[in-house]
Amino acid sequence: MLNFTYGDLKQTRFYQDVFGEGKLEEARALVTRQLTRRFGPLSADQALRLHALNLEQVEILAEALLDFTCVED
């Protein structure tokens, strides 16, 4: 039997990549829901631009959109 603990697993690049990707997808989904609720459905271009953002950028957008007055912001 391998002698790995959950803490050891969390330190692996694979775990961090998988966890990070899941977090990014959740953040994108949340921002999409927030923008859609406030301004209506996103255009294809807006959805592509959102999908191109990394996690840090999506988190910044999530905070910034609280101050948006129009979808162009």
PDB file of N, CA and C in Angstrom:
ATOM      1  N   MET A   1       0.849  -1.187   0.000  1.00  0.00           N
ATOM      2  CA  MET A   1       0.000   0.000   0.000  1.00  0.00           C
ATOM      3  C   MET A   1       0.889   1.242   0.000  1.00  0.00           C
ATOM      4  N   LEU A   2       0.501   2.226  -0.769  1.00  0.00           N
ATOM      5  CA  LEU A   2       1.243   3.479  -0.809  1.00  0.00           C
ATOM      6  C   LEU A   2       0.985   4.252   0.472  1.00  0.00           C
ATOM      7  N   ASN A   3       1.979   4.935   0.905  1.00  0.00           N
ATOM      8  CA  ASN A   3       1.912   5.652   2.176  1.00  0.00           C
ATOM      9  C   ASN A   3       1.645   7.144   1.957  1.00  0.00           C
ATOM     10  N   PHE A   4       0.625   7.473   1.162  1.00  0.00           N
ATOM     11  CA  PHE A   4       0.289   8.860   0.906  1.00  0.00           C
ATOM     12  C   PHE A   4      -0.858   9.298   1.803  1.00  0.00           C
ATOM     13  N   THR A   5      -0.734  10.496   2.318  1.00  0.00           N
ATOM     14  CA  THR A   5      -1.836  11.089   3.071  1.00  0.00           C
ATOM     15  C   THR A   5      -2.585  12.048   2.152  1.00  0.00           C
ATOM     16  N   TYR A   6      -3.735  12.482   2.590  1.00  0.00           N
ATOM     17  CA  TYR A   6      -4.494  13.463   1.823  1.00  0.00           C
ATOM     18  C   TYR A   6      -3.677  14.747   1.659  1.00  0.00           C
ATOM     19  N   GLY A   7      -2.937  15.112   2.683  1.00  0.00           N
ATOM     20  CA  GLY A   7      -2.076  16.295   2.614  1.00  0.00           C
ATOM     21  C   GLY A   7      -1.011  16.148   1.543  1.00  0.00           C
ATOM     22  N   ASP A   8      -0.449  14.941   1.417  1.00  0.00           N
ATOM     23  CA  ASP A   8       0.539  14.681   0.364  1.00  0.00           C
ATOM     24  C   ASP A   8      -0.101  14.841  -1.015  1.00  0.00           C
ATOM     25  N   LEU A   9      -1.294  14.293  -1.158  1.00  0.00           N
ATOM     26  CA  LEU A   9      -2.002  14.369  -2.431  1.00  0.00           C
ATOM     27  C   LEU A   9      -2.272  15.819  -2.821  1.00  0.00           C
ATOM     28  N   LYS A  10      -2.673  16.635  -1.858  1.00  0.00           N
ATOM     29  CA  LYS A  10      -2.984  18.034  -2.131  1.00  0.00           C
ATOM     30  C   LYS A  10      -1.771  18.811  -2.617  1.00  0.00           C
ATOM     31  N   GLN A  11      -0.588  18.323  -2.317  1.00  0.00           N
ATOM     32  CA  GLN A  11       0.634  19.000  -2.731  1.00  0.00           C
ATOM     33  C   GLN A  11       1.061  18.653  -4.153  1.00  0.00           C
ATOM     34  N   THR A  12       0.438  17.668  -4.762  1.00  0.00           N
ATOM     35  CA  THR A  12       0.842  17.263  -6.112  1.00  0.00           C
ATOM     36  C   THR A  12       0.351  18.261  -7.144  1.00  0.00           C
ATOM     37  N   ARG A  13       1.100  18.372  -8.211  1.00  0.00           N
ATOM     38  CA  ARG A  13       0.725  19.283  -9.293  1.00  0.00           C
ATOM     39  C   ARG A  13      -0.604  18.853  -9.919  1.00  0.00           C
ATOM     40  N   PHE A  14      -0.799  17.548 -10.079  1.00  0.00           N
ATOM     41  CA  PHE A  14      -2.040  17.045 -10.662  1.00  0.00           C
ATOM     42  C   PHE A  14      -3.235  17.509  -9.853  1.00  0.00           C
ATOM     43  N   TYR A  15      -3.200  17.333  -8.549  1.00  0.00           N
ATOM     44  CA  TYR A  15      -4.313  17.735  -7.686  1.00  0.00           C
ATOM     45  C   TYR A  15      -4.543  19.240  -7.809  1.00  0.00           C
ATOM     46  N   GLN A  16      -3.478  20.007  -7.767  1.00  0.00           N
ATOM     47  CA  GLN A  16      -3.609  21.456  -7.825  1.00  0.00           C
ATOM     48  C   GLN A  16      -4.160  21.914  -9.174  1.00  0.00           C
ATOM     49  N   ASP A  17      -3.729  21.242 -10.261  1.00  0.00           N
ATOM     50  CA  ASP A  17      -4.247  21.590 -11.576  1.00  0.00           C
ATOM     51  C   ASP A  17      -5.738  21.280 -11.677  1.00  0.00           C
ATOM     52  N   VAL A  18      -6.130  20.099 -11.231  1.00  0.00           N
ATOM     53  CA  VAL A  18      -7.534  19.698 -11.301  1.00  0.00           C
ATOM     54  C   VAL A  18      -8.386  20.592 -10.418  1.00  0.00           C
ATOM     55  N   PHE A  19      -7.952  20.837  -9.195  1.00  0.00           N
ATOM     56  CA  PHE A  19      -8.699  21.693  -8.282  1.00  0.00           C
ATOM     57  C   PHE A  19      -8.793  23.113  -8.826  1.00  0.00           C
ATOM     58  N   GLY A  20      -7.686  23.624  -9.346  1.00  0.00           N
ATOM     59  CA  GLY A  20      -7.665  24.977  -9.899  1.00  0.00           C
ATOM     60  C   GLY A  20      -8.585  25.124 -11.087  1.00  0.00           C
ATOM     61  N   GLU A  21      -8.611  24.114 -11.962  1.00  0.00           N
ATOM     62  CA  GLU A  21      -9.494  24.167 -13.129  1.00  0.00           C
ATOM     63  C   GLU A  21     -10.954  24.154 -12.697  1.00  0.00           C
ATOM     64  N   GLY A  22     -11.273  23.354 -11.715  1.00  0.00           N
ATOM     65  CA  GLY A  22     -12.646  23.324 -11.213  1.00  0.00           C
ATOM     66  C   GLY A  22     -13.055  24.649 -10.611  1.00  0.00           C
ATOM     67  N   LYS A  23     -12.147  25.255  -9.874  1.00  0.00           N
ATOM     68  CA  LYS A  23     -12.432  26.551  -9.264  1.00  0.00           C
ATOM     69  C   LYS A  23     -12.633  27.619 -10.338  1.00  0.00           C
ATOM     70  N   LEU A  24     -11.825  27.566 -11.383  1.00  0.00           N
ATOM     71  CA  LEU A  24     -11.958  28.523 -12.484  1.00  0.00           C
ATOM     72  C   LEU A  24     -13.309  28.369 -13.164  1.00  0.00           C
ATOM     73  N   GLU A  25     -13.722  27.144 -13.443  1.00  0.00           N
ATOM     74  CA  GLU A  25     -15.009  26.918 -14.097  1.00  0.00           C
ATOM     75  C   GLU A  25     -16.168  27.384 -13.215  1.00  0.00           C
ATOM     76  N   GLU A  26     -16.075  27.156 -11.917  1.00  0.00           N
ATOM     77  CA  GLU A  26     -17.114  27.629 -10.996  1.00  0.00           C
ATOM     78  C   GLU A  26     -17.171  29.154 -10.981  1.00  0.00           C
ATOM     79  N   ALA A  27     -16.014  29.797 -10.979  1.00  0.00           N
ATOM     80  CA  ALA A  27     -15.967  31.256 -10.958  1.00  0.00           C
ATOM     81  C   ALA A  27     -16.549  31.823 -12.248  1.00  0.00           C
ATOM     82  N   ARG A  28     -16.193  31.227 -13.384  1.00  0.00           N
ATOM     83  CA  ARG A  28     -16.757  31.686 -14.665  1.00  0.00           C
ATOM     84  C   ARG A  28     -18.270  31.528 -14.683  1.00  0.00           C
ATOM     85  N   ALA A  29     -18.763  30.401 -14.185  1.00  0.00           N
ATOM     86  CA  ALA A  29     -20.206  30.158 -14.168  1.00  0.00           C
ATOM     87  C   ALA A  29     -20.921  31.187 -13.293  1.00  0.00           C
ATOM     88  N   LEU A  30     -20.326  31.500 -12.142  1.00  0.00           N
ATOM     89  CA  LEU A  30     -20.928  32.487 -11.249  1.00  0.00           C
ATOM     90  C   LEU A  30     -20.979  33.860 -11.896  1.00  0.00           C
ATOM     91  N   VAL A  31     -19.878  34.290 -12.493  1.00  0.00           N
ATOM     92  CA  VAL A  31     -19.843  35.602 -13.140  1.00  0.00           C
ATOM     93  C   VAL A  31     -20.825  35.646 -14.313  1.00  0.00           C
ATOM     94  N   THR A  32     -20.919  34.567 -15.057  1.00  0.00           N
ATOM     95  CA  THR A  32     -21.882  34.503 -16.156  1.00  0.00           C
ATOM     96  C   THR A  32     -23.303  34.677 -15.631  1.00  0.00           C
ATOM     97  N   ARG A  33     -23.642  33.994 -14.547  1.00  0.00           N
ATOM     98  CA  ARG A  33     -24.981  34.127 -13.961  1.00  0.00           C
ATOM     99  C   ARG A  33     -25.231  35.557 -13.474  1.00  0.00           C
ATOM    100  N   GLN A  34     -24.223  36.156 -12.842  1.00  0.00           N
ATOM    101  CA  GLN A  34     -24.385  37.516 -12.336  1.00  0.00           C
ATOM    102  C   GLN A  34     -24.592  38.508 -13.477  1.00  0.00           C
ATOM    103  N   LEU A  35     -23.767  38.400 -14.511  1.00  0.00           N
ATOM    104  CA  LEU A  35     -23.891  39.310 -15.647  1.00  0.00           C
ATOM    105  C   LEU A  35     -25.218  39.116 -16.374  1.00  0.00           C
ATOM    106  N   THR A  36     -25.625  37.865 -16.537  1.00  0.00           N
ATOM    107  CA  THR A  36     -26.885  37.570 -17.215  1.00  0.00           C
ATOM    108  C   THR A  36     -28.065  38.118 -16.424  1.00  0.00           C
ATOM    109  N   ARG A  37     -28.021  37.964 -15.133  1.00  0.00           N
ATOM    110  CA  ARG A  37     -29.121  38.473 -14.304  1.00  0.00           C
ATOM    111  C   ARG A  37     -29.208  39.994 -14.377  1.00  0.00           C
ATOM    112  N   ARG A  38     -28.059  40.634 -14.431  1.00  0.00           N
ATOM    113  CA  ARG A  38     -28.055  42.094 -14.413  1.00  0.00           C
ATOM    114  C   ARG A  38     -28.296  42.713 -15.784  1.00  0.00           C
ATOM    115  N   PHE A  39     -27.729  42.100 -16.846  1.00  0.00           N
ATOM    116  CA  PHE A  39     -27.766  42.729 -18.167  1.00  0.00           C
ATOM    117  C   PHE A  39     -28.400  41.876 -19.263  1.00  0.00           C
ATOM    118  N   GLY A  40     -28.840  40.679 -18.943  1.00  0.00           N
ATOM    119  CA  GLY A  40     -29.384  39.796 -19.963  1.00  0.00           C
ATOM    120  C   GLY A  40     -28.294  38.870 -20.495  1.00  0.00           C
ATOM    121  N   PRO A  41     -28.669  37.997 -21.401  1.00  0.00           N
ATOM    122  CA  PRO A  41     -27.716  37.005 -21.912  1.00  0.00           C
ATOM    123  C   PRO A  41     -26.470  37.644 -22.520  1.00  0.00           C
ATOM    124  N   LEU A  42     -25.334  36.998 -22.315  1.00  0.00           N
ATOM    125  CA  LEU A  42     -24.082  37.475 -22.897  1.00  0.00           C
ATOM    126  C   LEU A  42     -24.051  37.174 -24.386  1.00  0.00           C
ATOM    127  N   SER A  43     -23.410  38.052 -25.131  1.00  0.00           N
ATOM    128  CA  SER A  43     -23.202  37.775 -26.552  1.00  0.00           C
ATOM    129  C   SER A  43     -22.128  36.691 -26.667  1.00  0.00           C
ATOM    130  N   ALA A  44     -22.012  36.119 -27.842  1.00  0.00           N
ATOM    131  CA  ALA A  44     -20.990  35.089 -28.061  1.00  0.00           C
ATOM    132  C   ALA A  44     -19.598  35.664 -27.817  1.00  0.00           C
ATOM    133  N   ASP A  45     -19.368  36.906 -28.257  1.00  0.00           N
ATOM    134  CA  ASP A  45     -18.068  37.545 -28.055  1.00  0.00           C
ATOM    135  C   ASP A  45     -17.785  37.754 -26.565  1.00  0.00           C
ATOM    136  N   GLN A  46     -18.776  38.193 -25.824  1.00  0.00           N
ATOM    137  CA  GLN A  46     -18.593  38.398 -24.381  1.00  0.00           C
ATOM    138  C   GLN A  46     -18.304  37.074 -23.675  1.00  0.00           C
ATOM    139  N   ALA A  47     -19.012  36.020 -24.053  1.00  0.00           N
ATOM    140  CA  ALA A  47     -18.776  34.707 -23.454  1.00  0.00           C
ATOM    141  C   ALA A  47     -17.377  34.207 -23.762  1.00  0.00           C
ATOM    142  N   LEU A  48     -16.903  34.412 -24.986  1.00  0.00           N
ATOM    143  CA  LEU A  48     -15.537  34.005 -25.349  1.00  0.00           C
ATOM    144  C   LEU A  48     -14.498  34.796 -24.566  1.00  0.00           C
ATOM    145  N   ARG A  49     -14.748  36.092 -24.412  1.00  0.00           N
ATOM    146  CA  ARG A  49     -13.807  36.926 -23.654  1.00  0.00           C
ATOM    147  C   ARG A  49     -13.751  36.493 -22.192  1.00  0.00           C
ATOM    148  N   LEU A  50     -14.902  36.161 -21.625  1.00  0.00           N
ATOM    149  CA  LEU A  50     -14.945  35.676 -20.246  1.00  0.00           C
ATOM    150  C   LEU A  50     -14.195  34.353 -20.128  1.00  0.00           C
ATOM    151  N   HIS A  51     -14.393  33.471 -21.086  1.00  0.00           N
ATOM    152  CA  HIS A  51     -13.742  32.157 -21.046  1.00  0.00           C
ATOM    153  C   HIS A  51     -12.218  32.267 -21.181  1.00  0.00           C
ATOM    154  N   ALA A  52     -11.729  33.340 -21.773  1.00  0.00           N
ATOM    155  CA  ALA A  52     -10.288  33.527 -21.961  1.00  0.00           C
ATOM    156  C   ALA A  52      -9.588  34.018 -20.691  1.00  0.00           C
ATOM    157  N   LEU A  53     -10.350  34.467 -19.685  1.00  0.00           N
ATOM    158  CA  LEU A  53      -9.753  35.005 -18.460  1.00  0.00           C
ATOM    159  C   LEU A  53      -9.235  33.885 -17.562  1.00  0.00           C
ATOM    160  N   ASN A  54      -8.164  34.185 -16.838  1.00  0.00           N
ATOM    161  CA  ASN A  54      -7.674  33.237 -15.837  1.00  0.00           C
ATOM    162  C   ASN A  54      -8.420  33.470 -14.522  1.00  0.00           C
ATOM    163  N   LEU A  55      -8.149  32.637 -13.534  1.00  0.00           N
ATOM    164  CA  LEU A  55      -8.892  32.708 -12.278  1.00  0.00           C
ATOM    165  C   LEU A  55      -8.773  34.069 -11.603  1.00  0.00           C
ATOM    166  N   GLU A  56      -7.590  34.606 -11.546  1.00  0.00           N
ATOM    167  CA  GLU A  56      -7.408  35.907 -10.896  1.00  0.00           C
ATOM    168  C   GLU A  56      -8.219  36.987 -11.613  1.00  0.00           C
ATOM    169  N   GLN A  57      -8.224  36.977 -12.936  1.00  0.00           N
ATOM    170  CA  GLN A  57      -8.975  37.963 -13.702  1.00  0.00           C
ATOM    171  C   GLN A  57     -10.478  37.805 -13.500  1.00  0.00           C
ATOM    172  N   VAL A  58     -10.958  36.566 -13.427  1.00  0.00           N
ATOM    173  CA  VAL A  58     -12.386  36.329 -13.198  1.00  0.00           C
ATOM    174  C   VAL A  58     -12.782  36.822 -11.811  1.00  0.00           C
ATOM    175  N   GLU A  59     -11.932  36.601 -10.827  1.00  0.00           N
ATOM    176  CA  GLU A  59     -12.230  37.072  -9.471  1.00  0.00           C
ATOM    177  C   GLU A  59     -12.272  38.596  -9.421  1.00  0.00           C
ATOM    178  N   ILE A  60     -11.362  39.251 -10.128  1.00  0.00           N
ATOM    179  CA  ILE A  60     -11.372  40.718 -10.193  1.00  0.00           C
ATOM    180  C   ILE A  60     -12.644  41.205 -10.878  1.00  0.00           C
ATOM    181  N   LEU A  61     -13.026  40.545 -11.968  1.00  0.00           N
ATOM    182  CA  LEU A  61     -14.260  40.896 -12.675  1.00  0.00           C
ATOM    183  C   LEU A  61     -15.478  40.715 -11.779  1.00  0.00           C
ATOM    184  N   ALA A  62     -15.497  39.645 -10.999  1.00  0.00           N
ATOM    185  CA  ALA A  62     -16.630  39.381 -10.112  1.00  0.00           C
ATOM    186  C   ALA A  62     -16.840  40.528  -9.129  1.00  0.00           C
ATOM    187  N   GLU A  63     -15.760  41.094  -8.635  1.00  0.00           N
ATOM    188  CA  GLU A  63     -15.879  42.240  -7.726  1.00  0.00           C
ATOM    189  C   GLU A  63     -16.239  43.510  -8.485  1.00  0.00           C
ATOM    190  N   ALA A  64     -15.609  43.722  -9.629  1.00  0.00           N
ATOM    191  CA  ALA A  64     -15.822  44.944 -10.380  1.00  0.00           C
ATOM    192  C   ALA A  64     -17.246  45.059 -10.914  1.00  0.00           C
ATOM    193  N   LEU A  65     -17.841  43.916 -11.277  1.00  0.00           N
ATOM    194  CA  LEU A  65     -19.180  44.002 -11.875  1.00  0.00           C
ATOM    195  C   LEU A  65     -20.227  44.508 -10.900  1.00  0.00           C
ATOM    196  N   LEU A  66     -19.909  44.529  -9.620  1.00  0.00           N
ATOM    197  CA  LEU A  66     -20.836  45.110  -8.644  1.00  0.00           C
ATOM    198  C   LEU A  66     -21.022  46.608  -8.871  1.00  0.00           C
ATOM    199  N   ASP A  67     -20.033  47.240  -9.511  1.00  0.00           N
ATOM    200  CA  ASP A  67     -20.095  48.681  -9.779  1.00  0.00           C
ATOM    201  C   ASP A  67     -20.508  48.996 -11.210  1.00  0.00           C
ATOM    202  N   PHE A  68     -20.714  47.983 -12.045  1.00  0.00           N
ATOM    203  CA  PHE A  68     -21.088  48.210 -13.441  1.00  0.00           C
ATOM    204  C   PHE A  68     -22.475  48.865 -13.504  1.00  0.00           C
ATOM    205  N   THR A  69     -22.608  49.802 -14.436  1.00  0.00           N
ATOM    206  CA  THR A  69     -23.914  50.403 -14.677  1.00  0.00           C
ATOM    207  C   THR A  69     -24.492  49.954 -16.016  1.00  0.00           C
ATOM    208  N   CYS A  70     -23.628  49.457 -16.897  1.00  0.00           N
ATOM    209  CA  CYS A  70     -24.093  48.922 -18.185  1.00  0.00           C
ATOM    210  C   CYS A  70     -23.159  47.785 -18.605  1.00  0.00           C
ATOM    211  N   VAL A  71     -23.593  46.989 -19.530  1.00  0.00           N
ATOM    212  CA  VAL A  71     -22.829  45.811 -19.935  1.00  0.00           C
ATOM    213  C   VAL A  71     -21.489  46.216 -20.565  1.00  0.00           C
ATOM    214  N   GLU A  72     -21.390  47.407 -21.120  1.00  0.00           N
ATOM    215  CA  GLU A  72     -20.136  47.851 -21.727  1.00  0.00           C
ATOM    216  C   GLU A  72     -19.031  48.070 -20.690  1.00  0.00           C
ATOM    217  N   ASP A  73     -19.406  48.295 -19.446  1.00  0.00           N
ATOM    218  CA  ASP A  73     -18.407  48.472 -18.391  1.00  0.00           C
ATOM    219  C   ASP A  73     -17.550  47.223 -18.302  1.00  0.00           C
TER     220      ASP A  73
END
